[in-house]
């Protein structure tokens, strides 16, 4: 099993160009937020709440992945995931009051952010890491978080 450092190093190989990195700082959080919004929008068998929805179940699954790799990264994603759940719940309520659609807004953000990612990789001249291993889809957010942790002195 790879360590968190192995994953981050492997991910970093195709993310050296400063423009591609900047695009990732914008697009990865946007993709995460919109994915949570799309999952939150799927009808749930019980009354949907901020903690009882498909996005929360997805978060719990991903938290298991992060916990195996790094406790501090896991804690970071508990916070980030909680904020994204709350943000999507609040956005869904706001849009519902105004005749808007969380699934439509989420889908638009998702598509635009993925286009941005592919533009970044075109600039970089390297394929996205997830073409090699789908687990890199979960490493991208951790790669960003590790830069924040390094800056503030939190070991990962």
Protein backbone atom coordinates (compact mmCIF):
# COMPACT_ATOMS: atom_id res chain seq x y z
CA UNK A 1 0.00 0.00 0.00
CA UNK A 2 1.30 3.46 -0.90
CA UNK A 3 1.92 6.00 1.83
CA UNK A 4 0.46 9.50 1.69
CA UNK A 5 3.90 10.80 0.69
CA UNK A 6 4.11 8.27 -2.17
CA UNK A 7 0.68 9.34 -3.44
CA UNK A 8 1.45 13.06 -3.17
CA UNK A 9 4.82 12.67 -4.89
CA UNK A 10 3.28 10.64 -7.72
CA UNK A 11 0.48 13.20 -8.13
CA UNK A 12 2.97 16.08 -8.13
CA UNK A 13 4.82 14.66 -11.15
CA UNK A 14 2.07 15.86 -13.50
CA UNK A 15 1.40 19.09 -11.60
CA UNK A 16 4.57 21.19 -11.83
CA UNK A 17 3.45 24.03 -14.12
CA UNK A 18 2.39 27.09 -12.11
CA UNK A 19 -0.63 27.79 -14.34
CA UNK A 20 -1.83 24.20 -14.01
CA UNK A 21 -1.36 24.40 -10.23
CA UNK A 22 -3.41 27.62 -10.06
CA UNK A 23 -6.16 26.03 -12.13
CA UNK A 24 -6.17 23.07 -9.73
CA UNK A 25 -6.48 25.38 -6.71
CA UNK A 26 -9.68 26.73 -8.26
CA UNK A 27 -11.10 23.67 -9.98
CA UNK A 28 -10.52 20.88 -7.44
CA UNK A 29 -12.55 22.60 -4.70
CA UNK A 30 -15.19 23.51 -7.30
CA UNK A 31 -15.40 19.89 -8.46
CA UNK A 32 -15.65 18.68 -4.87
CA UNK A 33 -18.39 21.17 -4.01
CA UNK A 34 -20.35 20.42 -7.16
CA UNK A 35 -20.00 16.65 -6.70
CA UNK A 36 -21.39 17.02 -3.18
CA UNK A 37 -24.22 19.10 -4.67
CA UNK A 38 -25.02 16.48 -7.29
CA UNK A 39 -25.01 13.69 -4.70
CA UNK A 40 -27.03 15.79 -2.26
CA UNK A 41 -29.63 16.29 -4.99
CA UNK A 42 -30.34 12.58 -5.45
CA UNK A 43 -33.60 11.67 -3.70
CA UNK A 44 -32.93 9.98 -0.38
CA UNK A 45 -35.16 7.24 1.10
CA UNK A 46 -35.64 9.24 4.32
CA UNK A 47 -36.18 12.92 5.03
CA UNK A 48 -33.05 14.61 3.75
CA UNK A 49 -31.02 16.64 6.24
CA UNK A 50 -27.59 18.23 6.18
CA UNK A 51 -26.17 14.94 7.55
CA UNK A 52 -28.59 12.42 6.07
CA UNK A 53 -28.13 12.36 2.29
CA UNK A 54 -26.08 10.65 -0.42
CA UNK A 55 -23.30 13.24 -0.22
CA UNK A 56 -22.74 12.37 3.44
CA UNK A 57 -22.50 8.67 2.60
CA UNK A 58 -19.96 9.49 -0.12
CA UNK A 59 -18.01 11.61 2.38
CA UNK A 60 -17.93 8.75 4.89
CA UNK A 61 -16.58 6.42 2.20
CA UNK A 62 -13.84 8.87 1.22
CA UNK A 63 -12.98 9.57 4.85
CA UNK A 64 -12.16 5.88 5.23
CA UNK A 65 -9.69 6.21 2.35
CA UNK A 66 -8.05 9.27 3.92
CA UNK A 67 -7.92 7.70 7.39
CA UNK A 68 -5.91 4.77 6.00
CA UNK A 69 -3.37 7.24 4.58
CA UNK A 70 -3.06 9.98 7.19
CA UNK A 71 -4.92 10.91 10.36
CA UNK A 72 -4.27 14.63 9.90
CA UNK A 73 -5.49 14.58 6.28
CA UNK A 74 -8.56 12.66 7.52
CA UNK A 75 -9.27 15.37 10.13
CA UNK A 76 -8.86 18.07 7.49
CA UNK A 77 -11.43 16.39 5.27
CA UNK A 78 -13.85 15.93 8.15
CA UNK A 79 -13.84 19.72 8.41
CA UNK A 80 -13.80 20.39 4.65
CA UNK A 81 -16.46 17.77 3.97
CA UNK A 82 -18.65 19.11 6.75
CA UNK A 83 -18.39 22.62 5.32
CA UNK A 84 -19.21 21.37 1.83
CA UNK A 85 -22.25 19.46 3.12
CA UNK A 86 -23.47 22.52 5.02
CA UNK A 87 -22.77 24.75 2.00
CA UNK A 88 -24.73 22.53 -0.37
CA UNK A 89 -27.60 22.12 2.10
CA UNK A 90 -27.78 25.91 2.50
CA UNK A 91 -27.47 26.49 -1.24
CA UNK A 92 -30.25 23.95 -1.92
CA UNK A 93 -32.57 25.76 0.49
CA UNK A 94 -31.67 29.16 -0.98
CA UNK A 95 -32.22 27.99 -4.56
CA UNK A 96 -35.47 26.21 -3.67
CA UNK A 97 -36.88 29.48 -2.28
CA UNK A 98 -36.03 31.26 -5.54
CA UNK A 99 -37.07 28.58 -8.01
CA UNK A 100 -33.48 27.55 -8.67
CA UNK A 101 -32.05 24.09 -9.02
CA UNK A 102 -29.10 22.71 -7.04
CA UNK A 103 -28.58 19.87 -9.54
CA UNK A 104 -28.39 22.32 -12.44
CA UNK A 105 -26.01 24.70 -10.65
CA UNK A 106 -23.87 21.76 -9.50
CA UNK A 107 -23.74 20.24 -12.97
CA UNK A 108 -22.70 23.56 -14.51
CA UNK A 109 -19.91 24.03 -11.95
CA UNK A 110 -18.81 20.40 -12.37
CA UNK A 111 -18.54 20.63 -16.17
CA UNK A 112 -16.79 24.03 -16.20
CA UNK A 113 -14.32 22.94 -13.51
CA UNK A 114 -13.44 19.73 -15.37
CA UNK A 115 -12.89 21.71 -18.55
CA UNK A 116 -10.55 23.90 -16.52
CA UNK A 117 -8.68 20.84 -15.26
CA UNK A 118 -8.15 19.52 -18.77
CA UNK A 119 -6.98 22.95 -19.96
CA UNK A 120 -4.48 22.95 -17.10
CA UNK A 121 -3.17 19.56 -18.13
CA UNK A 122 -2.95 20.66 -21.76
CA UNK A 123 -0.78 23.56 -20.56
CA UNK A 124 1.23 21.17 -18.37
CA UNK A 125 1.69 18.78 -21.28
CA UNK A 126 0.84 15.73 -19.14
CA UNK A 127 -2.26 13.60 -18.77
CA UNK A 128 -4.27 13.84 -15.54
CA UNK A 129 -3.02 11.37 -12.92
CA UNK A 130 -6.38 9.63 -12.61
CA UNK A 131 -5.85 8.16 -16.10
CA UNK A 132 -3.20 6.01 -14.39
CA UNK A 133 -5.19 5.19 -11.24
CA UNK A 134 -8.69 6.37 -10.29
CA UNK A 135 -7.58 6.76 -6.67
CA UNK A 136 -5.81 9.93 -7.80
CA UNK A 137 -9.27 11.54 -7.92
CA UNK A 138 -9.12 11.44 -4.11
CA UNK A 139 -5.44 12.38 -3.96
CA UNK A 140 -5.93 15.70 -5.79
CA UNK A 141 -7.78 17.30 -2.86
CA UNK A 142 -5.23 15.86 -0.41
CA UNK A 143 -2.43 17.28 -2.55
CA UNK A 144 -3.88 20.77 -2.12
CA UNK A 145 -4.45 20.24 1.60
CA UNK A 146 -0.86 19.09 2.12
CA UNK A 147 0.39 22.47 0.86
CA UNK A 148 -1.77 24.23 3.45
CA UNK A 149 -0.59 21.85 6.16
CA UNK A 150 3.05 22.39 5.20
CA UNK A 151 2.60 26.19 5.30
CA UNK A 152 1.09 26.16 8.82
CA UNK A 153 3.35 23.38 10.12
CA UNK A 154 0.86 20.53 10.45
CA UNK A 155 2.46 17.14 9.76
CA UNK A 156 0.69 14.93 7.26
